[in-house]
C-alpha atoms as a PDB file:
ATOM      1  CA  MET A   1      25.826 -51.329  -4.798  1.00  0.00           C
ATOM      2  CA  SER A   2      28.560 -48.980  -3.682  1.00  0.00           C
ATOM      3  CA  TRP A   3      32.269 -49.444  -3.115  1.00  0.00           C
ATOM      4  CA  HIS A   4      35.568 -47.759  -2.352  1.00  0.00           C
ATOM      5  CA  GLU A   5      39.186 -48.764  -2.098  1.00  0.00           C
ATOM      6  CA  GLN A   6      40.339 -49.856   1.304  1.00  0.00           C
ATOM      7  CA  GLY A   7      44.101 -49.603   0.957  1.00  0.00           C
ATOM      8  CA  GLN A   8      46.011 -50.776  -2.098  1.00  0.00           C
ATOM      9  CA  ALA A   9      44.874 -54.397  -2.122  1.00  0.00           C
ATOM     10  CA  ASP A  10      41.357 -54.386  -0.662  1.00  0.00           C
ATOM     11  CA  TRP A  11      37.913 -53.020  -1.374  1.00  0.00           C
ATOM     12  CA  TRP A  12      34.871 -52.299   0.778  1.00  0.00           C
ATOM     13  CA  ILE A  13      31.699 -53.183  -1.130  1.00  0.00           C
ATOM     14  CA  ARG A  14      28.033 -52.785  -0.169  1.00  0.00           C
ATOM     15  CA  LEU A  15      26.030 -55.491  -1.950  1.00  0.00           C
ATOM     16  CA  ARG A  16      22.269 -55.753  -2.416  1.00  0.00           C
ATOM     17  CA  CYS A  17      20.483 -58.827  -3.730  1.00  0.00           C
ATOM     18  CA  GLY A  18      18.181 -57.867  -6.598  1.00  0.00           C
ATOM     19  CA  GLY A  19      15.915 -60.805  -5.804  1.00  0.00           C
ATOM     20  CA  CYS A  20      15.257 -60.392  -2.102  1.00  0.00           C
ATOM     21  CA  GLY A  21      16.766 -57.001  -1.262  1.00  0.00           C
ATOM     22  CA  LEU A  22      19.207 -58.391   1.322  1.00  0.00           C
ATOM     23  CA  VAL A  23      22.042 -55.912   1.915  1.00  0.00           C
ATOM     24  CA  ARG A  24      25.485 -56.807   3.201  1.00  0.00           C
ATOM     25  CA  GLU A  25      28.884 -55.182   3.396  1.00  0.00           C
ATOM     26  CA  VAL A  26      32.049 -57.083   2.546  1.00  0.00           C
ATOM     27  CA  GLU A  27      35.772 -56.444   2.356  1.00  0.00           C
ATOM     28  CA  VAL A  28      37.394 -58.185  -0.600  1.00  0.00           C
ATOM     29  CA  SER A  29      40.735 -58.422  -2.360  1.00  0.00           C
ATOM     30  CA  ASN A  30      41.426 -56.839  -5.752  1.00  0.00           C
ATOM     31  CA  GLY A  31      40.913 -60.235  -7.403  1.00  0.00           C
ATOM     32  CA  GLU A  32      37.540 -60.750  -5.745  1.00  0.00           C
ATOM     33  CA  ALA A  33      36.518 -57.195  -6.671  1.00  0.00           C
ATOM     34  CA  GLU A  34      37.431 -57.919 -10.299  1.00  0.00           C
ATOM     35  CA  ARG A  35      35.209 -61.026 -10.216  1.00  0.00           C
ATOM     36  CA  TYR A  36      32.324 -58.983  -8.761  1.00  0.00           C
ATOM     37  CA  ASP A  37      32.866 -56.410 -11.516  1.00  0.00           C
ATOM     38  CA  ALA A  38      32.852 -59.093 -14.219  1.00  0.00           C
ATOM     39  CA  GLU A  39      29.629 -60.593 -12.815  1.00  0.00           C
ATOM     40  CA  LEU A  40      28.040 -57.138 -12.635  1.00  0.00           C
ATOM     41  CA  ASN A  41      28.988 -56.431 -16.257  1.00  0.00           C
ATOM     42  CA  HIS A  42      27.647 -59.833 -17.337  1.00  0.00           C
ATOM     43  CA  GLY A  43      24.347 -59.215 -15.521  1.00  0.00           C
ATOM     44  CA  MET A  44      23.996 -55.741 -17.018  1.00  0.00           C
ATOM     45  CA  ALA A  45      24.651 -57.131 -20.506  1.00  0.00           C
ATOM     46  CA  LYS A  46      21.925 -59.765 -19.996  1.00  0.00           C
ATOM     47  CA  ILE A  47      19.475 -57.078 -18.882  1.00  0.00           C
ATOM     48  CA  ALA A  48      20.338 -54.869 -21.874  1.00  0.00           C
ATOM     49  CA  SER A  49      19.931 -57.818 -24.256  1.00  0.00           C
ATOM     50  CA  THR A  50      16.561 -58.757 -22.781  1.00  0.00           C
ATOM     51  CA  LEU A  51      15.388 -55.146 -22.929  1.00  0.00           C
ATOM     52  CA  ALA A  52      16.388 -54.889 -26.597  1.00  0.00           C
ATOM     53  CA  ARG A  53      14.577 -58.155 -27.417  1.00  0.00           C
ATOM     54  CA  LEU A  54      11.413 -57.055 -25.609  1.00  0.00           C
ATOM     55  CA  ASP A  55      11.522 -53.618 -27.215  1.00  0.00           C
ATOM     56  CA  ARG A  56      11.848 -55.143 -30.692  1.00  0.00           C
ATOM     57  CA  ALA A  57       8.911 -57.473 -29.998  1.00  0.00           C
ATOM     58  CA  ARG A  58       6.809 -54.526 -28.805  1.00  0.00           C
ATOM     59  CA  MET A  59       7.656 -52.501 -31.913  1.00  0.00           C
ATOM     60  CA  VAL A  60       6.823 -55.437 -34.211  1.00  0.00           C
ATOM     61  CA  GLY A  61       3.452 -55.809 -32.466  1.00  0.00           C
ATOM     62  CA  GLU A  62       2.695 -52.100 -32.810  1.00  0.00           C
ATOM     63  CA  THR A  63       3.718 -52.154 -36.482  1.00  0.00           C
ATOM     64  CA  ASP A  64       1.495 -55.160 -37.174  1.00  0.00           C
ATOM     65  CA  THR A  65      -1.442 -53.421 -35.469  1.00  0.00           C
ATOM     66  CA  LEU A  66      -0.909 -50.211 -37.443  1.00  0.00           C
ATOM     67  CA  THR A  67      -0.510 -52.128 -40.712  1.00  0.00           C
ATOM     68  CA  THR A  68      -3.746 -54.043 -40.114  1.00  0.00           C
ATOM     69  CA  ALA A  69      -5.627 -50.854 -39.224  1.00  0.00           C
ATOM     70  CA  LEU A  70      -4.370 -49.144 -42.392  1.00  0.00           C
ATOM     71  CA  GLU A  71      -5.245 -52.150 -44.574  1.00  0.00           C
ATOM     72  CA  ARG A  72      -8.798 -52.197 -43.180  1.00  0.00           C
ATOM     73  CA  ASP A  73      -9.218 -48.425 -43.551  1.00  0.00           C
ATOM     74  CA  LEU A  74      -9.778 -48.117 -39.819  1.00  0.00           C
ATOM     75  CA  ILE A  75      -7.443 -45.125 -39.638  1.00  0.00           C
ATOM     76  CA  GLY A  76      -6.265 -42.467 -42.050  1.00  0.00           C
ATOM     77  CA  PRO A  77      -4.117 -39.327 -42.216  1.00  0.00           C
ATOM     78  CA  ALA A  78      -6.667 -37.289 -40.262  1.00  0.00           C
ATOM     79  CA  ASP A  79      -6.136 -39.534 -37.256  1.00  0.00           C
ATOM     80  CA  PHE A  80      -2.558 -38.266 -36.962  1.00  0.00           C
ATOM     81  CA  LYS A  81      -3.133 -34.498 -36.957  1.00  0.00           C
ATOM     82  CA  ALA A  82      -1.917 -32.707 -33.871  1.00  0.00           C
END
């Protein structure tokens, strides 16, 4: 997405659908641009939240695997030498 002011009350915005890749250019008022901005911020927050959740789940899985390997003496300090 890209944008620039088009006078004092309007904006030119290039939009791209993340789902299908469709690109379109629109001219919108300040109010419409603010709504686009709010939706963009909301979408970015959802992505960040999902990424954090997935990253935590991955780290928990890796920790469980390491813990199990240590408990079963499958790995030791020598396995971590550079």
